[in-house]
Amino acid sequence: MARLLTYAGMLRATFTLNFLAFLLMRLTGIALALYLFLHIWSIGQVQRGVHEFNSAMAAYNRPMGWVLEYLLLLAVLYHMFNGLRLLAADFLKLSERHSEMLWLAGMFVVGLGAYSVFVFFPTLLPH
């Protein structure tokens, strides 16, 4: 138990915004790789016939599918803008500006994600 408390204390001490960016980059990369396999499987259903393909696609055309698709968009946006931030830091020699660029990338993700809510869920718009 003491070892677990020591580890938790060390994690709390090293848990910074840059560590969170590192962790989210890895998690979104794994999520995107898993999505790729699901996408290939779904599109592959066309080989089993039109009816099988349509039923596979109909499974995604539900509110839960829309939410998962929106979360996929957020993962793509974060992974893209954080990757661009890392490229800029490495190739443009801006490594001393990591934190500012992380906030800028976060603002892009939040801004585009907020706008996309109304694209993905048009019923939220007032009539």
N, C-alpha and C. Protein backbone atom coordinates (compact mmCIF):
# COMPACT_ATOMS: atom_id res chain seq x y z
N MET A 1 0.82 -1.19 0.00
CA MET A 1 0.00 0.00 0.00
C MET A 1 0.86 1.26 0.00
N ALA A 2 1.96 1.22 0.75
CA ALA A 2 2.85 2.37 0.80
C ALA A 2 3.48 2.62 -0.57
N ARG A 3 3.78 1.53 -1.28
CA ARG A 3 4.36 1.67 -2.61
C ARG A 3 3.36 2.32 -3.56
N LEU A 4 2.10 1.96 -3.45
CA LEU A 4 1.05 2.53 -4.29
C LEU A 4 0.88 4.03 -4.00
N LEU A 5 0.92 4.40 -2.73
CA LEU A 5 0.82 5.81 -2.37
C LEU A 5 2.03 6.61 -2.88
N THR A 6 3.20 5.99 -2.83
CA THR A 6 4.40 6.65 -3.35
C THR A 6 4.27 6.87 -4.85
N TYR A 7 3.78 5.84 -5.56
CA TYR A 7 3.60 5.96 -7.01
C TYR A 7 2.57 7.04 -7.34
N ALA A 8 1.47 7.09 -6.59
CA ALA A 8 0.45 8.11 -6.82
C ALA A 8 1.01 9.51 -6.57
N GLY A 9 1.83 9.66 -5.58
CA GLY A 9 2.46 10.95 -5.31
C GLY A 9 3.42 11.36 -6.41
N MET A 10 4.17 10.40 -6.94
CA MET A 10 5.08 10.70 -8.05
C MET A 10 4.29 11.09 -9.30
N LEU A 11 3.19 10.40 -9.56
CA LEU A 11 2.36 10.70 -10.73
C LEU A 11 1.76 12.09 -10.60
N ARG A 12 1.30 12.44 -9.42
CA ARG A 12 0.73 13.76 -9.18
C ARG A 12 1.79 14.85 -9.39
N ALA A 13 3.02 14.58 -9.02
CA ALA A 13 4.08 15.56 -9.16
C ALA A 13 4.49 15.74 -10.62
N THR A 14 4.38 14.69 -11.44
CA THR A 14 4.81 14.78 -12.84
C THR A 14 3.65 15.04 -13.78
N PHE A 15 2.44 15.13 -13.29
CA PHE A 15 1.27 15.31 -14.14
C PHE A 15 1.14 16.78 -14.50
N THR A 16 1.64 17.14 -15.66
CA THR A 16 1.60 18.52 -16.14
C THR A 16 0.72 18.59 -17.38
N LEU A 17 0.53 19.78 -17.89
CA LEU A 17 -0.24 19.97 -19.11
C LEU A 17 0.44 19.29 -20.29
N ASN A 18 1.76 19.35 -20.35
CA ASN A 18 2.48 18.69 -21.43
C ASN A 18 2.36 17.18 -21.34
N PHE A 19 2.34 16.63 -20.12
CA PHE A 19 2.15 15.20 -19.95
C PHE A 19 0.75 14.80 -20.40
N LEU A 20 -0.23 15.63 -20.09
CA LEU A 20 -1.60 15.35 -20.53
C LEU A 20 -1.69 15.38 -22.05
N ALA A 21 -1.01 16.33 -22.70
CA ALA A 21 -0.98 16.40 -24.16
C ALA A 21 -0.33 15.14 -24.73
N PHE A 22 0.76 14.70 -24.12
CA PHE A 22 1.44 13.47 -24.54
C PHE A 22 0.50 12.27 -24.42
N LEU A 23 -0.17 12.17 -23.29
CA LEU A 23 -1.07 11.04 -23.04
C LEU A 23 -2.26 11.05 -24.00
N LEU A 24 -2.86 12.22 -24.21
CA LEU A 24 -3.99 12.31 -25.14
C LEU A 24 -3.57 12.01 -26.57
N MET A 25 -2.36 12.38 -26.95
CA MET A 25 -1.88 12.07 -28.30
C MET A 25 -1.80 10.56 -28.49
N ARG A 26 -1.31 9.85 -27.48
CA ARG A 26 -1.22 8.39 -27.58
C ARG A 26 -2.61 7.76 -27.58
N LEU A 27 -3.50 8.23 -26.72
CA LEU A 27 -4.84 7.65 -26.65
C LEU A 27 -5.64 7.91 -27.92
N THR A 28 -5.54 9.11 -28.48
CA THR A 28 -6.27 9.37 -29.72
C THR A 28 -5.67 8.58 -30.87
N GLY A 29 -4.36 8.36 -30.87
CA GLY A 29 -3.74 7.53 -31.90
C GLY A 29 -4.24 6.10 -31.85
N ILE A 30 -4.36 5.55 -30.64
CA ILE A 30 -4.89 4.19 -30.49
C ILE A 30 -6.36 4.15 -30.91
N ALA A 31 -7.14 5.15 -30.51
CA ALA A 31 -8.56 5.19 -30.88
C ALA A 31 -8.73 5.28 -32.40
N LEU A 32 -7.90 6.08 -33.06
CA LEU A 32 -7.99 6.21 -34.51
C LEU A 32 -7.58 4.92 -35.21
N ALA A 33 -6.60 4.21 -34.68
CA ALA A 33 -6.21 2.92 -35.26
C ALA A 33 -7.33 1.90 -35.10
N LEU A 34 -7.97 1.88 -33.93
CA LEU A 34 -9.11 0.97 -33.73
C LEU A 34 -10.27 1.33 -34.66
N TYR A 35 -10.50 2.62 -34.84
CA TYR A 35 -11.56 3.05 -35.75
C TYR A 35 -11.26 2.59 -37.18
N LEU A 36 -10.00 2.63 -37.57
CA LEU A 36 -9.64 2.22 -38.92
C LEU A 36 -10.04 0.76 -39.17
N PHE A 37 -9.79 -0.11 -38.19
CA PHE A 37 -10.19 -1.50 -38.34
C PHE A 37 -11.71 -1.64 -38.40
N LEU A 38 -12.43 -0.90 -37.59
CA LEU A 38 -13.90 -0.93 -37.63
C LEU A 38 -14.41 -0.41 -38.97
N HIS A 39 -13.79 0.62 -39.49
CA HIS A 39 -14.19 1.19 -40.78
C HIS A 39 -13.97 0.18 -41.90
N ILE A 40 -12.82 -0.47 -41.90
CA ILE A 40 -12.54 -1.48 -42.93
C ILE A 40 -13.53 -2.62 -42.84
N TRP A 41 -13.86 -3.06 -41.63
CA TRP A 41 -14.85 -4.14 -41.46
C TRP A 41 -16.22 -3.69 -41.97
N SER A 42 -16.63 -2.48 -41.64
CA SER A 42 -17.94 -1.99 -42.05
C SER A 42 -18.04 -1.88 -43.56
N ILE A 43 -17.04 -1.32 -44.19
CA ILE A 43 -17.05 -1.19 -45.64
C ILE A 43 -16.93 -2.56 -46.29
N GLY A 44 -16.24 -3.48 -45.65
CA GLY A 44 -16.10 -4.84 -46.17
C GLY A 44 -17.41 -5.61 -46.21
N GLN A 45 -18.41 -5.13 -45.51
CA GLN A 45 -19.72 -5.81 -45.51
C GLN A 45 -20.38 -5.76 -46.89
N VAL A 46 -19.91 -4.89 -47.77
CA VAL A 46 -20.47 -4.82 -49.12
C VAL A 46 -20.19 -6.11 -49.88
N GLN A 47 -19.13 -6.83 -49.51
CA GLN A 47 -18.82 -8.10 -50.17
C GLN A 47 -19.82 -9.18 -49.81
N ARG A 48 -20.54 -9.02 -48.73
CA ARG A 48 -21.53 -10.00 -48.31
C ARG A 48 -22.90 -9.71 -48.90
N GLY A 49 -23.02 -8.57 -49.58
CA GLY A 49 -24.29 -8.22 -50.22
C GLY A 49 -24.77 -6.85 -49.78
N VAL A 50 -25.66 -6.33 -50.59
CA VAL A 50 -26.18 -4.99 -50.34
C VAL A 50 -26.97 -4.95 -49.03
N HIS A 51 -27.75 -6.00 -48.76
CA HIS A 51 -28.55 -6.02 -47.54
C HIS A 51 -27.66 -6.00 -46.29
N GLU A 52 -26.60 -6.79 -46.29
CA GLU A 52 -25.67 -6.81 -45.15
C GLU A 52 -25.00 -5.45 -44.96
N PHE A 53 -24.60 -4.84 -46.07
CA PHE A 53 -23.95 -3.54 -45.99
C PHE A 53 -24.92 -2.49 -45.45
N ASN A 54 -26.15 -2.48 -45.96
CA ASN A 54 -27.14 -1.50 -45.49
C ASN A 54 -27.47 -1.69 -44.02
N SER A 55 -27.54 -2.92 -43.57
CA SER A 55 -27.84 -3.14 -42.14
C SER A 55 -26.65 -2.73 -41.27
N ALA A 56 -25.43 -2.92 -41.78
CA ALA A 56 -24.25 -2.47 -41.02
C ALA A 56 -24.23 -0.95 -40.93
N MET A 57 -24.57 -0.27 -42.02
CA MET A 57 -24.59 1.19 -42.02
C MET A 57 -25.75 1.73 -41.18
N ALA A 58 -26.87 1.02 -41.17
CA ALA A 58 -28.02 1.46 -40.37
C ALA A 58 -27.70 1.41 -38.88
N ALA A 59 -26.80 0.52 -38.50
CA ALA A 59 -26.43 0.43 -37.08
C ALA A 59 -25.74 1.71 -36.61
N TYR A 60 -25.09 2.42 -37.53
CA TYR A 60 -24.41 3.66 -37.16
C TYR A 60 -25.33 4.87 -37.22
N ASN A 61 -26.45 4.75 -37.88
CA ASN A 61 -27.36 5.88 -38.04
C ASN A 61 -28.38 5.93 -36.90
N ARG A 62 -27.85 6.02 -35.70
CA ARG A 62 -28.64 6.11 -34.48
C ARG A 62 -27.98 7.15 -33.59
N PRO A 63 -28.68 7.64 -32.59
CA PRO A 63 -28.06 8.68 -31.72
C PRO A 63 -26.71 8.27 -31.13
N MET A 64 -26.58 7.02 -30.71
CA MET A 64 -25.30 6.59 -30.16
C MET A 64 -24.21 6.62 -31.23
N GLY A 65 -24.55 6.25 -32.44
CA GLY A 65 -23.60 6.31 -33.55
C GLY A 65 -23.19 7.74 -33.85
N TRP A 66 -24.14 8.67 -33.74
CA TRP A 66 -23.82 10.08 -33.98
C TRP A 66 -22.86 10.61 -32.91
N VAL A 67 -23.09 10.21 -31.68
CA VAL A 67 -22.20 10.64 -30.59
C VAL A 67 -20.80 10.07 -30.80
N LEU A 68 -20.73 8.79 -31.16
CA LEU A 68 -19.42 8.19 -31.40
C LEU A 68 -18.72 8.84 -32.59
N GLU A 69 -19.48 9.20 -33.62
CA GLU A 69 -18.90 9.88 -34.77
C GLU A 69 -18.38 11.27 -34.37
N TYR A 70 -19.10 11.95 -33.50
CA TYR A 70 -18.64 13.25 -33.02
C TYR A 70 -17.37 13.10 -32.18
N LEU A 71 -17.32 12.08 -31.33
CA LEU A 71 -16.10 11.83 -30.55
C LEU A 71 -14.93 11.50 -31.46
N LEU A 72 -15.21 10.79 -32.56
CA LEU A 72 -14.17 10.52 -33.54
C LEU A 72 -13.64 11.81 -34.14
N LEU A 73 -14.54 12.73 -34.45
CA LEU A 73 -14.12 14.03 -34.98
C LEU A 73 -13.23 14.75 -33.98
N LEU A 74 -13.61 14.74 -32.71
CA LEU A 74 -12.79 15.41 -31.69
C LEU A 74 -11.41 14.76 -31.59
N ALA A 75 -11.36 13.44 -31.68
CA ALA A 75 -10.07 12.74 -31.63
C ALA A 75 -9.21 13.12 -32.83
N VAL A 76 -9.82 13.18 -34.02
CA VAL A 76 -9.08 13.56 -35.22
C VAL A 76 -8.57 14.99 -35.11
N LEU A 77 -9.43 15.90 -34.65
CA LEU A 77 -9.03 17.30 -34.51
C LEU A 77 -7.87 17.44 -33.53
N TYR A 78 -7.98 16.79 -32.37
CA TYR A 78 -6.92 16.91 -31.38
C TYR A 78 -5.62 16.33 -31.92
N HIS A 79 -5.71 15.13 -32.50
CA HIS A 79 -4.52 14.46 -33.00
C HIS A 79 -3.86 15.30 -34.10
N MET A 80 -4.68 15.89 -34.96
CA MET A 80 -4.15 16.69 -36.06
C MET A 80 -3.47 17.96 -35.54
N PHE A 81 -4.16 18.74 -34.72
CA PHE A 81 -3.59 20.00 -34.26
C PHE A 81 -2.42 19.80 -33.31
N ASN A 82 -2.45 18.77 -32.50
CA ASN A 82 -1.30 18.50 -31.64
C ASN A 82 -0.12 18.02 -32.47
N GLY A 83 -0.39 17.22 -33.50
CA GLY A 83 0.68 16.80 -34.40
C GLY A 83 1.30 17.97 -35.13
N LEU A 84 0.48 18.90 -35.59
CA LEU A 84 1.01 20.11 -36.23
C LEU A 84 1.84 20.94 -35.26
N ARG A 85 1.39 20.98 -34.02
CA ARG A 85 2.15 21.70 -32.99
C ARG A 85 3.52 21.07 -32.78
N LEU A 86 3.56 19.73 -32.74
CA LEU A 86 4.83 19.04 -32.55
C LEU A 86 5.74 19.21 -33.77
N LEU A 87 5.16 19.18 -34.97
CA LEU A 87 5.96 19.42 -36.17
C LEU A 87 6.55 20.83 -36.17
N ALA A 88 5.73 21.82 -35.80
CA ALA A 88 6.22 23.19 -35.75
C ALA A 88 7.33 23.34 -34.72
N ALA A 89 7.17 22.67 -33.59
CA ALA A 89 8.19 22.76 -32.55
C ALA A 89 9.50 22.12 -33.01
N ASP A 90 9.40 21.01 -33.72
CA ASP A 90 10.62 20.31 -34.13
C ASP A 90 11.29 20.95 -35.33
N PHE A 91 10.52 21.26 -36.37
CA PHE A 91 11.12 21.72 -37.61
C PHE A 91 11.31 23.23 -37.70
N LEU A 92 10.54 23.97 -36.96
CA LEU A 92 10.69 25.42 -36.97
C LEU A 92 11.44 25.93 -35.75
N LYS A 93 11.97 25.00 -34.97
CA LYS A 93 12.75 25.32 -33.77
C LYS A 93 11.98 26.23 -32.81
N LEU A 94 10.74 25.81 -32.54
CA LEU A 94 9.88 26.56 -31.62
C LEU A 94 9.64 25.79 -30.32
N SER A 95 10.59 24.97 -29.93
CA SER A 95 10.37 24.11 -28.76
C SER A 95 10.21 24.91 -27.47
N GLU A 96 10.73 26.13 -27.42
CA GLU A 96 10.55 26.93 -26.21
C GLU A 96 9.14 27.50 -26.12
N ARG A 97 8.34 27.35 -27.17
CA ARG A 97 6.97 27.88 -27.18
C ARG A 97 5.93 26.77 -27.15
N HIS A 98 6.31 25.59 -26.62
CA HIS A 98 5.40 24.44 -26.57
C HIS A 98 4.08 24.79 -25.89
N SER A 99 4.15 25.44 -24.75
CA SER A 99 2.93 25.71 -23.97
C SER A 99 1.98 26.63 -24.71
N GLU A 100 2.51 27.70 -25.32
CA GLU A 100 1.64 28.61 -26.06
C GLU A 100 0.98 27.91 -27.25
N MET A 101 1.78 27.09 -27.94
CA MET A 101 1.24 26.38 -29.09
C MET A 101 0.23 25.33 -28.67
N LEU A 102 0.41 24.74 -27.49
CA LEU A 102 -0.57 23.78 -26.98
C LEU A 102 -1.90 24.47 -26.71
N TRP A 103 -1.85 25.67 -26.12
CA TRP A 103 -3.09 26.41 -25.88
C TRP A 103 -3.75 26.81 -27.20
N LEU A 104 -2.96 27.18 -28.19
CA LEU A 104 -3.50 27.54 -29.50
C LEU A 104 -4.15 26.34 -30.16
N ALA A 105 -3.49 25.19 -30.10
CA ALA A 105 -4.07 23.97 -30.66
C ALA A 105 -5.36 23.61 -29.92
N GLY A 106 -5.36 23.77 -28.62
CA GLY A 106 -6.57 23.49 -27.83
C GLY A 106 -7.71 24.42 -28.20
N MET A 107 -7.40 25.68 -28.48
CA MET A 107 -8.45 26.62 -28.87
C MET A 107 -9.05 26.24 -30.23
N PHE A 108 -8.20 25.78 -31.15
CA PHE A 108 -8.71 25.32 -32.43
C PHE A 108 -9.62 24.11 -32.26
N VAL A 109 -9.20 23.16 -31.44
CA VAL A 109 -10.01 21.95 -31.21
C VAL A 109 -11.34 22.31 -30.57
N VAL A 110 -11.32 23.15 -29.55
CA VAL A 110 -12.55 23.54 -28.87
C VAL A 110 -13.46 24.34 -29.81
N GLY A 111 -12.88 25.27 -30.57
CA GLY A 111 -13.67 26.08 -31.48
C GLY A 111 -14.32 25.26 -32.58
N LEU A 112 -13.54 24.42 -33.24
CA LEU A 112 -14.11 23.57 -34.29
C LEU A 112 -15.04 22.52 -33.72
N GLY A 113 -14.72 22.01 -32.53
CA GLY A 113 -15.61 21.04 -31.90
C GLY A 113 -16.94 21.65 -31.51
N ALA A 114 -16.91 22.88 -31.02
CA ALA A 114 -18.17 23.56 -30.66
C ALA A 114 -19.00 23.85 -31.89
N TYR A 115 -18.36 24.30 -32.96
CA TYR A 115 -19.10 24.54 -34.20
C TYR A 115 -19.69 23.25 -34.75
N SER A 116 -18.95 22.16 -34.64
CA SER A 116 -19.38 20.88 -35.20
C SER A 116 -20.54 20.26 -34.46
N VAL A 117 -20.79 20.68 -33.22
CA VAL A 117 -21.95 20.16 -32.49
C VAL A 117 -23.22 20.41 -33.29
N PHE A 118 -23.33 21.59 -33.88
CA PHE A 118 -24.53 21.93 -34.63
C PHE A 118 -24.57 21.26 -36.00
N VAL A 119 -23.43 20.83 -36.49
CA VAL A 119 -23.40 20.07 -37.75
C VAL A 119 -23.79 18.62 -37.50
N PHE A 120 -23.28 18.04 -36.42
CA PHE A 120 -23.56 16.65 -36.12
C PHE A 120 -24.93 16.44 -35.50
N PHE A 121 -25.40 17.41 -34.78
CA PHE A 121 -26.68 17.31 -34.10
C PHE A 121 -27.56 18.49 -34.50
N PRO A 122 -28.07 18.51 -35.74
CA PRO A 122 -28.82 19.67 -36.22
C PRO A 122 -30.12 19.90 -35.46
N THR A 123 -30.61 18.92 -34.73
CA THR A 123 -31.84 19.11 -33.97
C THR A 123 -31.64 20.06 -32.80
N LEU A 124 -30.37 20.37 -32.47
CA LEU A 124 -30.11 21.30 -31.37
C LEU A 124 -30.32 22.76 -31.80
N LEU A 125 -30.35 22.98 -33.10
CA LEU A 125 -30.58 24.34 -33.59
C LEU A 125 -32.02 24.78 -33.33
N PRO A 126 -32.20 26.01 -32.90
CA PRO A 126 -33.58 26.49 -32.72
C PRO A 126 -34.25 26.69 -34.07
N HIS A 127 -35.54 26.40 -34.13
CA HIS A 127 -36.26 26.52 -35.42
C HIS A 127 -36.82 27.89 -35.58
